[in-house]
Protein backbone atom coordinates (compact mmCIF):
# COMPACT_ATOMS: atom_id res chain seq x y z
CA MET A 1 82.16 35.44 -196.94
CA ARG A 2 84.86 37.27 -198.90
CA ASN A 3 88.43 36.50 -197.94
CA ALA A 4 91.87 35.98 -199.35
CA THR A 5 92.37 32.53 -197.90
CA ASP A 6 89.58 30.19 -198.98
CA ALA A 7 91.71 28.65 -201.74
CA GLU A 8 94.86 28.61 -199.63
CA PRO A 9 96.20 25.92 -197.34
CA GLY A 10 95.24 26.86 -193.80
CA PRO A 11 96.71 26.15 -190.37
CA GLU A 12 96.17 22.82 -188.69
CA SER A 13 94.77 22.62 -185.16
CA GLY A 14 97.56 21.96 -182.69
CA ALA A 15 100.32 22.46 -185.28
CA GLU A 16 103.87 22.68 -183.98
CA SER A 17 106.81 24.62 -185.31
CA GLY A 18 108.93 22.86 -187.92
CA ALA A 19 112.00 23.07 -185.69
CA GLU A 20 110.28 21.14 -182.90
CA SER A 21 108.39 18.60 -185.01
CA GLY A 22 111.12 17.38 -187.28
CA ALA A 23 109.67 19.02 -190.37
CA GLU A 24 111.90 20.43 -193.07
CA PRO A 25 113.31 23.87 -192.17
CA GLY A 26 110.81 26.41 -193.41
CA GLY A 27 108.26 23.70 -194.18
CA PRO A 28 104.75 23.11 -192.90
CA PRO A 29 104.15 21.51 -189.50
CA ALA A 30 104.75 17.76 -189.76
CA GLY A 31 101.58 15.76 -190.37
CA GLY A 32 99.45 18.87 -190.75
CA ARG A 33 98.04 21.36 -193.20
CA ALA A 34 100.38 24.25 -193.94
CA LEU A 35 100.05 27.66 -192.40
CA ARG A 36 99.17 30.48 -194.78
CA SER A 37 102.64 31.95 -194.22
CA HIS A 38 104.13 28.67 -195.52
CA GLN A 39 103.49 30.01 -199.04
CA TRP A 40 106.13 32.66 -198.37
CA TYR A 41 108.60 30.68 -196.28
CA GLY A 42 108.18 26.98 -196.83
CA THR A 43 108.56 26.10 -200.50
CA ASP A 44 111.68 25.08 -202.41
CA GLY A 45 111.50 27.97 -204.86
CA LEU A 46 113.53 31.11 -205.31
CA ARG A 47 110.91 33.31 -203.64
CA SER A 48 110.89 31.36 -200.39
CA PHE A 49 114.70 31.35 -200.42
CA SER A 50 114.56 35.14 -200.78
CA HIS A 51 111.94 35.55 -198.03
CA ARG A 52 113.98 33.44 -195.60
CA ALA A 53 117.12 35.41 -196.44
CA ARG A 54 115.37 38.73 -195.89
CA THR A 55 113.97 37.53 -192.58
CA ARG A 56 117.51 36.72 -191.51
CA GLN A 57 118.36 40.29 -192.61
CA LEU A 58 115.81 41.46 -190.03
CA GLY A 59 117.92 39.70 -187.40
CA TYR A 60 115.75 36.63 -186.78
CA LEU A 61 117.03 33.07 -186.51
CA PRO A 62 115.18 30.47 -188.57
CA GLU A 63 114.14 28.77 -185.33
CA GLU A 64 112.31 31.92 -184.29
CA HIS A 65 109.86 31.96 -187.18
CA LEU A 66 109.96 28.96 -189.52
CA GLY A 67 106.86 26.80 -189.19
CA LYS A 68 105.34 29.11 -186.57
CA PRO A 69 102.13 31.16 -186.91
CA VAL A 70 102.99 34.65 -188.11
CA ILE A 71 100.90 37.18 -186.18
CA ALA A 72 100.44 40.69 -187.52
CA ILE A 73 100.03 43.35 -184.83
CA LEU A 74 98.32 46.32 -186.50
CA ASN A 75 99.12 49.37 -184.39
CA THR A 76 97.36 52.74 -184.76
CA TRP A 77 99.81 54.49 -182.40
CA SER A 78 101.15 57.90 -183.41
CA ASP A 79 102.54 61.05 -181.82
CA ILE A 80 99.34 62.95 -182.74
CA ASN A 81 96.85 60.55 -181.16
CA PRO A 82 96.60 60.93 -177.36
CA CYS A 83 94.03 58.13 -177.20
CA HIS A 84 96.70 55.71 -178.46
CA GLN A 85 99.73 57.17 -176.72
CA HIS A 86 100.32 53.91 -174.82
CA LEU A 87 99.87 51.48 -177.71
CA ARG A 88 103.59 51.23 -178.41
CA GLU A 89 103.98 49.54 -175.04
CA ARG A 90 100.85 47.44 -175.53
CA ALA A 91 102.25 46.12 -178.81
CA GLU A 92 105.24 44.83 -176.85
CA ALA A 93 102.88 43.08 -174.43
CA VAL A 94 101.07 41.44 -177.36
CA LYS A 95 104.43 40.29 -178.74
CA ARG A 96 105.29 38.81 -175.36
CA GLY A 97 102.11 36.75 -175.46
CA VAL A 98 102.67 35.64 -179.06
CA TRP A 99 106.24 34.52 -178.36
CA GLN A 100 105.11 32.67 -175.24
CA ALA A 101 102.48 30.79 -177.25
CA GLY A 102 104.95 29.76 -179.94
CA GLY A 103 104.08 32.34 -182.58
CA PHE A 104 106.10 34.89 -184.51
CA PRO A 105 104.85 38.49 -184.02
CA LEU A 106 105.37 41.28 -186.53
CA GLU A 107 104.20 44.85 -185.84
CA PHE A 108 102.71 46.93 -188.66
CA PRO A 109 102.00 50.68 -188.34
CA VAL A 110 98.67 51.73 -189.82
CA ALA A 111 96.72 54.99 -190.05
CA THR A 112 96.01 56.53 -186.65
CA LEU A 113 92.77 58.51 -187.34
CA SER A 114 93.16 60.87 -184.39
CA GLU A 115 89.66 62.10 -183.53
CA THR A 116 90.90 65.24 -181.83
CA PHE A 117 93.13 66.52 -184.63
CA GLN A 118 92.27 65.14 -188.08
CA LYS A 119 90.23 67.43 -190.34
CA PRO A 120 87.65 67.71 -191.76
CA THR A 121 86.78 64.50 -189.90
CA PRO A 122 88.38 61.07 -189.37
CA MET A 123 85.14 59.62 -190.73
CA LEU A 124 86.33 60.70 -194.17
CA TYR A 125 89.24 58.28 -193.71
CA ARG A 126 87.60 55.37 -191.86
CA ASN A 127 87.30 53.45 -195.11
CA LEU A 128 90.92 54.26 -195.98
CA LEU A 129 92.12 52.54 -192.79
CA ALA A 130 89.73 49.67 -193.51
CA MET A 131 91.27 49.30 -196.99
CA GLU A 132 94.79 49.51 -195.57
CA THR A 133 93.96 46.81 -193.02
CA GLU A 134 92.43 44.55 -195.63
CA GLU A 135 95.22 44.87 -198.16
CA LEU A 136 98.01 44.61 -195.59
CA LEU A 137 96.62 41.38 -194.11
CA ARG A 138 96.02 39.95 -197.57
CA SER A 139 99.40 40.78 -199.07
CA TYR A 140 101.84 39.79 -196.30
CA PRO A 141 102.74 36.36 -194.84
CA VAL A 142 100.20 36.62 -192.02
CA ASP A 143 98.33 33.76 -190.31
CA GLY A 144 96.44 35.84 -187.76
CA ALA A 145 96.12 39.40 -186.49
CA VAL A 146 95.87 41.40 -183.30
CA LEU A 147 94.35 44.84 -183.89
CA LEU A 148 95.28 47.75 -181.60
CA GLY A 149 92.85 50.66 -181.82
CA GLY A 150 90.18 52.48 -179.90
CA CYS A 151 89.89 56.12 -180.97
CA ASP A 152 86.44 56.41 -182.51
CA LYS A 153 86.86 55.35 -186.16
CA THR A 154 89.79 52.97 -185.64
CA THR A 155 87.68 50.21 -184.08
CA PRO A 156 85.19 49.85 -186.95
CA ALA A 157 87.86 50.47 -189.59
CA LEU A 158 90.19 47.75 -188.31
CA LEU A 159 87.37 45.24 -187.92
CA MET A 160 85.87 46.09 -191.31
CA GLY A 161 89.19 45.41 -193.01
CA ALA A 162 89.86 42.26 -191.00
CA ALA A 163 86.37 40.93 -191.71
CA SER A 164 86.98 41.31 -195.43
CA VAL A 165 90.10 39.12 -195.23
CA ASP A 166 88.73 36.69 -192.62
CA LEU A 167 91.84 35.54 -190.79
CA PRO A 168 91.88 34.64 -187.08
CA THR A 169 91.75 38.01 -185.31
CA VAL A 170 91.61 39.52 -181.83
CA PHE A 171 90.88 43.19 -181.19
CA VAL A 172 92.49 45.05 -178.25
CA PRO A 173 90.73 48.35 -177.39
CA ALA A 174 92.91 51.24 -176.25
CA GLY A 175 90.85 51.63 -173.07
CA PRO A 176 89.40 54.79 -171.50
CA MET A 177 91.50 57.49 -169.86
CA LEU A 178 91.28 58.26 -166.15
CA ARG A 179 88.43 60.44 -164.91
CA GLY A 180 89.00 64.19 -165.02
CA HIS A 181 89.02 66.60 -162.07
CA TRP A 182 88.42 70.34 -161.56
CA ARG A 183 87.76 72.18 -158.30
CA GLY A 184 86.32 69.13 -156.59
CA GLU A 185 84.20 68.09 -159.58
CA THR A 186 84.62 64.89 -161.59
CA LEU A 187 84.93 65.69 -165.29
CA GLY A 188 84.09 63.62 -168.34
CA SER A 189 86.15 64.47 -171.43
CA GLY A 190 84.05 65.63 -174.33
CA THR A 191 80.80 65.89 -172.42
CA ASP A 192 82.09 68.46 -169.92
CA MET A 193 84.01 70.21 -172.68
CA TRP A 194 80.69 71.03 -174.37
CA LYS A 195 79.08 71.90 -171.03
CA TYR A 196 81.73 74.32 -169.81
CA TRP A 197 82.27 75.89 -173.20
CA ASP A 198 78.59 76.85 -173.13
CA GLU A 199 79.08 78.12 -169.55
CA LYS A 200 81.87 80.36 -170.86
CA ARG A 201 79.66 81.58 -173.73
CA ALA A 202 76.89 82.33 -171.25
CA GLY A 203 79.30 84.35 -169.11
CA ARG A 204 79.07 82.11 -166.06
CA ILE A 205 82.79 81.22 -166.03
CA GLY A 206 85.82 83.15 -167.25
CA ASP A 207 89.21 82.60 -168.88
CA ARG A 208 90.85 81.46 -165.65
CA GLU A 209 88.32 78.70 -165.10
CA LEU A 210 88.57 77.64 -168.74
CA ALA A 211 92.38 77.42 -168.49
CA GLU A 212 92.06 75.21 -165.41
CA LEU A 213 89.57 73.01 -167.22
CA GLU A 214 92.04 72.53 -170.08
CA GLY A 215 94.38 70.85 -167.63
CA GLY A 216 91.73 68.72 -165.95
CA LEU A 217 89.63 67.27 -168.73
CA ALA A 218 92.08 64.70 -170.11
CA ARG A 219 94.64 63.42 -167.58
CA SER A 220 96.10 60.26 -169.12
CA PRO A 221 96.45 58.26 -172.31
CA GLY A 222 93.26 56.58 -173.45
CA THR A 223 89.95 57.31 -175.10
CA CYS A 224 87.15 59.49 -173.74
CA MET A 225 85.97 58.07 -170.42
CA THR A 226 82.34 58.92 -171.11
CA MET A 227 80.11 56.61 -173.18
CA GLY A 228 81.28 58.32 -176.34
CA THR A 229 81.90 56.61 -179.64
CA ALA A 230 85.21 55.08 -178.51
CA SER A 231 83.80 53.29 -175.47
CA THR A 232 80.61 52.46 -177.36
CA MET A 233 82.52 50.74 -180.17
CA ALA A 234 84.93 49.01 -177.78
CA SER A 235 81.89 47.64 -175.97
CA ALA A 236 80.34 46.60 -179.27
CA ALA A 237 83.55 44.76 -180.16
CA GLU A 238 83.50 42.90 -176.85
CA ALA A 239 79.82 42.07 -177.31
CA LEU A 240 80.62 40.76 -180.80
CA GLY A 241 83.00 38.35 -179.13
CA VAL A 242 86.23 39.50 -180.81
CA THR A 243 88.07 40.81 -177.72
CA MET A 244 89.29 39.18 -174.56
CA PRO A 245 86.65 39.29 -171.79
CA GLY A 246 86.44 42.62 -169.97
CA ALA A 247 88.49 44.46 -172.60
CA ALA A 248 86.08 47.35 -173.22
CA ALA A 249 86.33 49.07 -169.83
CA VAL A 250 89.86 48.44 -168.51
CA PRO A 251 91.45 51.90 -168.08
CA ALA A 252 94.27 52.52 -170.53
CA VAL A 253 96.89 53.06 -167.83
CA ASP A 254 95.79 50.20 -165.56
CA SER A 255 98.30 47.34 -165.36
CA GLY A 256 95.38 45.11 -166.26
CA HIS A 257 95.45 46.65 -169.73
CA SER A 258 98.97 45.37 -170.33
CA ARG A 259 97.92 41.92 -169.13
CA LEU A 260 94.94 42.09 -171.47
CA ALA A 261 97.26 42.77 -174.42
CA ALA A 262 99.50 39.85 -173.48
CA ALA A 263 96.47 37.57 -173.17
CA ALA A 264 95.39 38.58 -176.68
CA GLY A 265 98.85 37.59 -177.93
CA LEU A 266 98.58 34.20 -176.29
CA ARG A 267 95.08 33.60 -177.59
CA ILE A 268 95.64 34.57 -181.22
CA VAL A 269 98.19 31.78 -181.69
CA GLU A 270 95.63 29.25 -180.42
CA LEU A 271 93.01 30.67 -182.77
CA VAL A 272 95.39 30.25 -185.72
CA HIS A 273 96.05 26.64 -184.79
CA ASP A 274 92.27 26.09 -184.59
CA ASP A 275 91.70 27.90 -187.92
CA ALA A 276 89.15 30.04 -186.03
CA ARG A 277 88.58 32.77 -188.55
CA LEU A 278 86.81 36.02 -187.81
CA SER A 279 83.66 34.92 -189.63
CA ARG A 280 83.14 32.25 -186.96
CA PHE A 281 82.40 35.04 -184.48
CA LEU A 282 80.91 37.79 -186.67
CA THR A 283 77.43 36.36 -187.22
CA ARG A 284 73.92 37.80 -187.31
CA ALA A 285 73.47 36.73 -183.69
CA SER A 286 76.63 38.54 -182.59
CA TYR A 287 75.67 41.73 -184.45
CA GLU A 288 72.22 41.69 -182.83
CA ASP A 289 73.89 41.29 -179.44
CA ALA A 290 76.24 44.19 -180.21
CA ILE A 291 73.23 46.37 -181.07
CA ALA A 292 71.49 45.34 -177.84
CA THR A 293 74.66 46.21 -175.92
CA VAL A 294 74.97 49.66 -177.49
CA LEU A 295 71.34 50.39 -176.65
CA ALA A 296 71.65 49.14 -173.06
CA LEU A 297 74.68 51.40 -172.63
CA GLY A 298 72.91 54.49 -173.96
CA GLY A 299 75.74 54.46 -176.48
CA SER A 300 76.80 56.75 -179.28
CA THR A 301 74.62 57.27 -182.34
CA ASN A 302 77.76 56.71 -184.41
CA ALA A 303 77.46 53.01 -183.62
CA VAL A 304 74.47 52.84 -185.97
CA ILE A 305 76.65 53.73 -188.95
CA HIS A 306 79.68 51.70 -187.87
CA LEU A 307 77.89 48.47 -186.99
CA THR A 308 75.91 48.66 -190.22
CA ALA A 309 79.15 48.98 -192.19
CA MET A 310 80.89 46.24 -190.20
CA ALA A 311 77.99 43.85 -190.76
CA GLY A 312 78.11 44.65 -194.47
CA ARG A 313 81.75 43.51 -194.57
CA SER A 314 80.56 40.27 -192.92
CA GLN A 315 77.94 39.92 -195.68
CA ILE A 316 75.17 40.37 -193.10
CA ALA A 317 72.36 42.84 -193.77
CA VAL A 318 71.94 45.09 -190.71
CA GLY A 319 69.96 48.33 -190.91
CA LEU A 320 68.03 50.98 -189.04
CA ASP A 321 65.02 48.70 -188.56
CA ASP A 322 67.18 46.30 -186.54
CA PHE A 323 68.22 49.10 -184.20
CA ASP A 324 64.64 50.29 -183.80
CA ARG A 325 63.29 46.78 -183.21
CA ILE A 326 65.90 45.94 -180.57
CA ALA A 327 65.62 49.39 -178.94
CA ARG A 328 61.94 48.79 -178.20
CA ARG A 329 62.70 45.75 -176.01
CA VAL A 330 66.13 46.44 -174.48
CA PRO A 331 66.33 48.80 -171.47
CA VAL A 332 69.15 51.23 -170.70
CA LEU A 333 71.07 49.78 -167.76
CA ALA A 334 74.32 51.79 -167.76
CA ASP A 335 74.13 55.13 -165.92
CA ILE A 336 77.08 56.66 -167.78
CA ARG A 337 77.58 60.15 -169.15
CA PRO A 338 76.45 61.85 -171.31
CA GLY A 339 73.07 60.21 -170.74
CA GLY A 340 73.81 59.32 -167.09
CA ARG A 341 75.99 60.24 -164.12
CA TYR A 342 79.09 58.02 -164.08
CA LEU A 343 82.23 57.40 -166.12
CA MET A 344 83.97 54.38 -167.67
CA GLU A 345 86.31 53.96 -164.71
CA ASP A 346 83.25 53.59 -162.48
CA PHE A 347 81.77 51.15 -165.01
CA HIS A 348 84.95 49.06 -164.89
CA TYR A 349 84.89 48.82 -161.10
CA ALA A 350 81.16 48.09 -161.13
CA GLY A 351 81.65 44.92 -163.16
CA GLY A 352 82.37 46.21 -166.65
CA LEU A 353 80.71 44.95 -169.77
CA SER A 354 80.60 41.38 -168.47
CA GLY A 355 78.37 42.54 -165.63
CA LEU A 356 76.05 44.42 -167.99
CA LEU A 357 75.91 41.51 -170.45
CA ALA A 358 75.08 39.12 -167.62
CA ARG A 359 72.02 41.24 -166.81
CA LEU A 360 70.99 41.38 -170.46
CA ALA A 361 71.39 37.61 -170.62
CA GLU A 362 69.23 37.21 -167.53
CA ALA A 363 66.45 39.05 -169.38
CA GLY A 364 66.84 36.90 -172.49
CA HIS A 365 68.26 39.66 -174.69
CA LEU A 366 71.40 37.82 -175.89
CA HIS A 367 72.29 34.79 -178.01
CA LEU A 368 74.24 32.79 -175.46
CA GLU A 369 75.21 29.75 -177.55
CA ARG A 370 77.40 31.62 -180.03
CA PRO A 371 81.19 31.40 -179.68
CA THR A 372 83.64 34.16 -178.75
CA VAL A 373 87.38 34.32 -179.38
CA ALA A 374 87.97 33.40 -175.74
CA HIS A 375 85.26 30.79 -175.01
CA ALA A 376 83.20 28.12 -176.69
CA THR A 377 80.00 30.07 -175.93
CA LEU A 378 79.02 33.49 -174.70
CA ALA A 379 77.23 31.76 -171.81
CA GLU A 380 80.54 30.23 -170.74
CA GLN A 381 82.26 33.62 -170.98
CA LEU A 382 79.65 35.29 -168.78
CA ALA A 383 79.54 32.52 -166.16
CA GLY A 384 80.25 34.07 -162.77
CA ALA A 385 80.06 37.67 -164.02
CA LEU A 386 78.91 40.00 -161.23
CA VAL A 387 77.75 43.58 -160.82
CA HIS A 388 79.31 45.35 -157.84
CA ASP A 389 77.44 48.66 -158.00
CA ASP A 390 73.74 48.78 -158.86
CA GLU A 391 73.88 52.54 -159.32
CA VAL A 392 76.32 52.32 -162.23
CA ILE A 393 74.91 49.16 -163.83
CA ARG A 394 71.24 49.15 -162.97
CA PRO A 395 69.17 46.07 -162.12
CA LEU A 396 66.58 45.05 -164.69
CA GLU A 397 63.77 46.19 -162.41
CA ASN A 398 65.30 49.68 -162.06
CA PRO A 399 66.64 50.72 -165.48
CA VAL A 400 67.81 54.17 -166.48
CA ALA A 401 65.14 53.94 -169.20
CA GLU A 402 62.64 51.28 -170.17
CA GLN A 403 63.75 51.32 -173.81
CA GLY A 404 67.12 51.63 -175.54
CA GLY A 405 68.87 54.98 -175.71
CA LEU A 406 68.45 55.50 -179.48
CA ALA A 407 65.36 56.01 -181.59
CA VAL A 408 65.03 55.68 -185.36
CA LEU A 409 62.85 58.32 -187.01
CA ARG A 410 61.14 58.30 -190.40
CA GLY A 411 58.86 60.66 -192.29
CA ASN A 412 58.81 62.92 -195.31
CA LEU A 413 61.93 64.70 -194.05
CA ALA A 414 63.85 61.45 -193.57
CA PRO A 415 62.44 58.80 -195.91
CA ASP A 416 65.50 56.59 -195.41
CA GLY A 417 65.66 57.29 -191.69
CA ALA A 418 67.33 59.44 -189.05
CA VAL A 419 68.42 58.81 -185.46
CA ILE A 420 68.18 60.62 -182.14
CA LYS A 421 69.82 59.82 -178.81
CA HIS A 422 66.68 60.76 -176.93
CA ILE A 423 67.99 59.58 -173.58
CA SER A 424 70.28 62.64 -173.49
CA ALA A 425 67.66 65.19 -174.62
CA GLU A 426 65.31 67.36 -172.58
CA PRO A 427 62.08 65.30 -172.31
CA HIS A 428 59.79 68.19 -173.24
CA LEU A 429 61.45 68.44 -176.66
CA LEU A 430 60.75 64.86 -177.70
CA THR A 431 57.37 65.98 -179.03
CA HIS A 432 57.83 69.38 -180.60
CA THR A 433 56.69 71.51 -183.54
CA GLY A 434 58.57 74.68 -184.39
CA PRO A 435 59.68 76.95 -187.24
CA ALA A 436 62.89 76.06 -189.05
CA VAL A 437 65.95 78.27 -189.12
CA VAL A 438 68.07 76.89 -191.94
CA PHE A 439 71.84 76.99 -192.38
CA ASP A 440 73.33 75.77 -195.66
CA ASP A 441 76.76 74.99 -194.26
CA TYR A 442 78.62 74.82 -190.96
CA ARG A 443 80.78 77.91 -191.43
CA THR A 444 77.77 80.09 -192.17
CA MET A 445 76.05 78.71 -189.10
CA GLN A 446 79.09 79.45 -186.91
CA ALA A 447 79.34 83.00 -188.24
CA THR A 448 75.66 83.90 -187.87
CA ILE A 449 74.14 81.76 -185.07
CA ASN A 450 74.33 84.63 -182.56
CA ASP A 451 72.74 87.21 -184.86
CA PRO A 452 69.45 88.35 -183.25
CA ALA A 453 68.15 89.23 -186.71
CA LEU A 454 67.63 85.52 -187.37
CA GLY A 455 64.86 85.58 -184.78
CA ILE A 456 65.88 82.29 -183.15
CA THR A 457 63.83 81.42 -180.06
CA GLU A 458 63.84 78.36 -177.83
CA ASP A 459 60.95 77.02 -179.94
CA SER A 460 62.88 77.26 -183.20
CA VAL A 461 64.18 74.14 -184.97
CA LEU A 462 67.80 74.67 -186.03
CA VAL A 463 68.52 72.97 -189.37
CA LEU A 464 72.00 72.35 -190.76
CA ARG A 465 72.43 70.77 -194.17
CA GLY A 466 75.35 70.13 -196.49
CA SER A 467 77.04 68.04 -193.79
CA GLY A 468 76.31 64.45 -194.79
CA PRO A 469 78.61 61.76 -196.21
CA LEU A 470 79.14 63.68 -199.47
CA GLY A 471 78.30 67.18 -198.31
CA GLY A 472 80.54 67.31 -195.24
CA PRO A 473 82.61 65.84 -196.75
CA GLY A 474 82.83 62.79 -194.55
CA MET A 475 79.77 63.51 -192.40
CA PRO A 476 81.52 65.59 -189.68
CA GLU A 477 80.31 65.74 -186.08
CA TYR A 478 78.44 69.01 -186.56
CA GLY A 479 75.09 67.72 -185.32
CA MET A 480 75.16 69.33 -181.87
CA LEU A 481 74.49 72.81 -183.27
CA PRO A 482 75.34 75.56 -180.80
CA ILE A 483 72.53 77.35 -179.00
CA PRO A 484 72.75 81.15 -179.50
CA ASP A 485 74.62 82.96 -176.73
CA TYR A 486 71.65 85.13 -175.82
CA LEU A 487 69.46 82.06 -175.26
CA LEU A 488 72.14 80.39 -173.13
CA LYS A 489 72.20 83.49 -170.95
CA GLN A 490 68.42 83.16 -170.56
CA GLY A 491 68.89 79.61 -169.26
CA VAL A 492 68.00 77.68 -172.43
CA THR A 493 70.10 74.49 -172.41
CA ASP A 494 68.53 72.42 -175.20
CA MET A 495 66.77 72.94 -178.51
CA VAL A 496 65.60 70.71 -181.35
CA ARG A 497 68.39 70.53 -183.93
CA LEU A 498 68.35 68.65 -187.25
CA SER A 499 71.11 67.75 -189.67
CA ASP A 500 72.51 65.18 -192.07
CA ALA A 501 75.69 65.27 -189.97
CA ARG A 502 76.83 63.05 -187.11
CA MET A 503 77.35 64.01 -183.46
CA SER A 504 80.16 63.19 -181.06
CA GLY A 505 79.22 60.34 -178.77
CA THR A 506 80.13 62.62 -175.88
CA SER A 507 77.54 65.19 -176.99
CA TYR A 508 73.97 65.55 -175.80
CA GLY A 509 70.71 67.31 -176.59
CA ALA A 510 67.63 66.94 -178.82
CA CYS A 511 69.73 66.48 -181.94
CA VAL A 512 68.28 64.57 -184.89
CA LEU A 513 71.15 63.13 -186.93
CA HIS A 514 72.04 61.08 -190.03
CA ILE A 515 69.02 62.35 -191.98
CA ALA A 516 68.94 60.25 -195.15
CA PRO A 517 69.15 60.82 -197.99
CA GLU A 518 71.42 63.78 -197.27
CA SER A 519 70.78 67.21 -198.74
CA HIS A 520 73.86 66.99 -200.99
CA VAL A 521 72.18 64.30 -203.10
CA GLY A 522 68.77 66.00 -203.15
CA GLY A 523 67.19 64.52 -200.02
CA PRO A 524 64.17 66.39 -198.59
CA LEU A 525 66.46 68.27 -196.20
CA ALA A 526 67.64 70.23 -199.25
CA LEU A 527 64.11 71.59 -199.71
CA VAL A 528 63.54 73.05 -196.23
CA GLU A 529 63.20 76.84 -196.01
CA THR A 530 63.44 79.08 -192.97
CA GLY A 531 59.99 79.44 -191.44
CA ASP A 532 58.74 75.98 -192.45
CA LEU A 533 57.17 74.10 -189.55
CA ILE A 534 58.90 70.87 -188.56
CA THR A 535 57.42 68.26 -186.23
CA LEU A 536 59.55 65.89 -184.15
CA ASP A 537 57.61 63.10 -182.43
CA VAL A 538 59.94 60.56 -180.82
CA PRO A 539 57.15 58.44 -179.24
CA THR A 540 55.72 57.78 -182.73
CA ARG A 541 59.21 57.75 -184.33
CA THR A 542 58.32 60.42 -186.87
CA LEU A 543 60.07 63.46 -188.33
CA ARG A 544 57.87 65.57 -190.58
CA LEU A 545 58.22 68.70 -192.69
CA ASP A 546 54.80 70.36 -192.52
CA VAL A 547 54.77 71.59 -196.13
CA ASP A 548 52.35 70.24 -198.73
CA GLU A 549 53.67 67.95 -201.45
CA GLU A 550 52.85 70.34 -204.28
CA GLU A 551 55.08 73.03 -202.80
CA LEU A 552 57.85 70.49 -202.15
CA GLU A 553 57.65 69.35 -205.75
CA ARG A 554 57.99 72.97 -206.91
CA ARG A 555 61.13 73.38 -204.77
CA ARG A 556 62.48 70.04 -205.98
CA SER A 557 62.21 71.12 -209.61
CA THR A 558 64.57 74.06 -209.01
CA TRP A 559 67.15 72.19 -206.89
CA ARG A 560 70.56 71.59 -208.43
CA PRO A 561 73.29 69.32 -207.03
CA PRO A 562 76.36 71.08 -205.61
CA PRO A 563 79.67 70.58 -207.45
CA ARG A 564 82.07 67.86 -206.35
CA ARG A 565 85.00 68.98 -204.21
CA TYR A 566 87.76 66.58 -205.25
CA GLY A 567 89.43 66.15 -208.61
CA ARG A 568 92.01 63.60 -207.55
CA GLY A 569 93.26 61.28 -204.81
CA PHE A 570 91.37 59.52 -202.06
CA GLY A 571 88.78 62.30 -201.94
CA ALA A 572 87.78 61.61 -205.54
CA LEU A 573 87.52 57.89 -204.82
CA TYR A 574 85.44 58.69 -201.75
CA GLU A 575 83.00 60.92 -203.63
CA GLU A 576 82.55 58.34 -206.36
CA HIS A 577 81.73 55.36 -204.12
CA ILE A 578 80.50 56.46 -200.68
CA THR A 579 77.06 55.21 -199.63
CA GLN A 580 74.51 57.00 -197.45
CA ALA A 581 74.23 56.95 -193.67
CA ASP A 582 71.46 54.35 -193.51
CA THR A 583 73.73 51.80 -195.24
CA GLY A 584 76.85 52.54 -193.21
CA CYS A 585 78.82 55.05 -195.33
CA ASP A 586 81.02 52.30 -196.70
CA PHE A 587 82.34 52.15 -200.24
CA ALA A 588 79.88 50.28 -202.44
CA PHE A 589 82.60 48.15 -204.03
CA LEU A 590 83.81 46.97 -200.59
CA SER A 591 80.49 46.27 -198.91
CA ARG A 592 79.26 43.74 -201.48
CA GLU A 593 80.38 40.25 -202.48
CA GLY A 594 83.30 40.33 -204.86
CA ASP A 595 86.16 38.27 -206.24
CA VAL A 596 89.39 38.68 -204.30
CA PRO A 597 92.71 37.60 -205.78
CA GLU A 598 94.98 35.29 -203.88
CA PRO A 599 98.10 36.94 -202.45
CA TYR A 600 101.36 36.84 -204.33
CA ALA A 601 103.44 34.26 -202.52
CA GLY A 602 105.64 32.61 -205.11
C-alpha cells in the first residue's frame, strides 16, 4: 500500500496529550510512539520552533495542540455548490467532536466540484481533487482526516486521495436534500427534471408549469434525493466501512446530520490513537461489499468507474467482471428512483443503508468479519438493524429485481466492456436490433436530433461518439441522448442509445454507456456508420455491430486520431495520463505502486 507514513513514527494507541502526561512541551506522548505531527511540532530544532511560533500566531495556546492528534477536516464547501451549502456548519460540528475527544482540528478548503455548474464536466477534475487531497494530507502536520463531500465526484476523489496517503480517515457524506413537491406530486431532483423537460418538449406542459417546477425540484441543501451518483457513492462509502453507521441516507438538513458530523470528529481521534489507517478498512472484501450494495440499490452506473479507481488507489484490482459476477447473484432490494418509486428520505425512514445491508447479510452476500471505522466487525455494526417499510426496502423473497441493477456488456463493439442500467430501461428494448444513427459529437447531436431528414424511428439505435475520457473531454454525462421531439409527441419514451460517455445517476432509459475503448482512441465505436445494424442483448450480455470484419478492417485503415485539445495546464496532464473507462479513468501514474517521498518536516 502506498503512503507517506510507513517510514514515519506513528501514533500510539491510547496516547495522551503532552500537557496532561508530563511530556516535554511539544514532545511526543510520554511512554509512547510519536504522532506524525510530532515531526513538525515536537523536535528541538529551528523548524519546530518556527512551527510552534506560527501556531501561536494563529491564536492557539500550546496546551490546545501540542502532543494532541492533529485532524485535518477537508471541506468541499463553496458558494457555487448547493449540494454542500451546509458543510460550513458541519465542519464546526466535526471540530466540536475532535476537541471533545482531545484532538486538534484544522479545516482545509479543497476543490468543490459542483456537479450542477462545472463544465465541461466535474469528472475532468475528479483526479485533480484526488491529487489535492493526497498532497495536502502528505505535506501538512496531519495525523488523521475527516472528509466532507457528497456531490457526485467529491466522494471518490476524496477517498482516492486519502487511500493513497493511508492515514486514519472518516468520510462524512453531505446527505440528500428534502423531497421535492409540485401540484401535489412528489418530485425527485434530476430524475423528474429529465421527465418534465421531455413533457415540455412534447407539448404536454407549458412555461408556467416549468417555472413552478424550477421552484419545487430542489428545496434544501444536499445532494440529489434520488439514487443518483451522489447517494450511490455515499452508500458505497458506508458499505466500505469508512463512514459512521447510517451516514449515507441522513437528510442534509436533519439535526441528525450535525450529530453524525460530531460523531465523526469524536471517532477520528480514537482511530489515530489506534493507528487505524484507511487500508485497514479498504480491502478486497469491503470493495466487493460496496459493489453488492450498489447493485442492490439499483445504483448509478458511475459507481463502476469510481469504485474501480478507488480500488486501484488501494492497490486492489477491481474490474467490470467483478460487477458482472456480483450482479448475477445480488437482487435489487431498494425501490428508489430512477429505477423505483421512492426517494432517499423515504429510504432513511425505512431503515437506511443499515437495514438494506442487514438483508444482504441475511442472504450471505456480505463479508461480515471485516472491520469498519466504527466497529470491530461489520456484523457488530449491523446488529439490531431493522427495516421499517418493506415497500421501500424489499424483503429478499420480494425483490425489485432478481439480479443487480447493472449489466456489463461485451462484444465486437465493446471489446473492453460497456454498462447498462437495465433496471431503468423499457423491458422490450433489452433485446433489440436496429439501424444506427451516428452523431460524431454532442453539439452536432443537439443541433440535428429533431431533423426529420435523419429518418430516426423508435427502432433506431442512437449512437454518440467522441464523448469518452479523452474525447469528451472528461467523459461528460451525455449518455441519455434526447429522443426526437416528434417521437415524444407520438408517445415514445425510450430508445436504445449508445455512447462512450457517462450518464447522470438520476437518468433512465435503455442507454449503453462507457463503451471501451472509446472512439477517440480508435475503439470500434469510431467505425460505426449510419445505417449499420446494432444488436443489444442484455440477457446474454452482448453488444454487437453487425458488420463483417473485412469491412471493419477497411474502415479502420482510414481512421485517424483526432487532435489533442490542450497545450498546457491540467488539461494537458489529463490527456497525457488518463486511462479508459474499464480501468476507472484514473491517471496511470497514480493508480500503480510508486515511491512516495516522506513529507518535509524538519
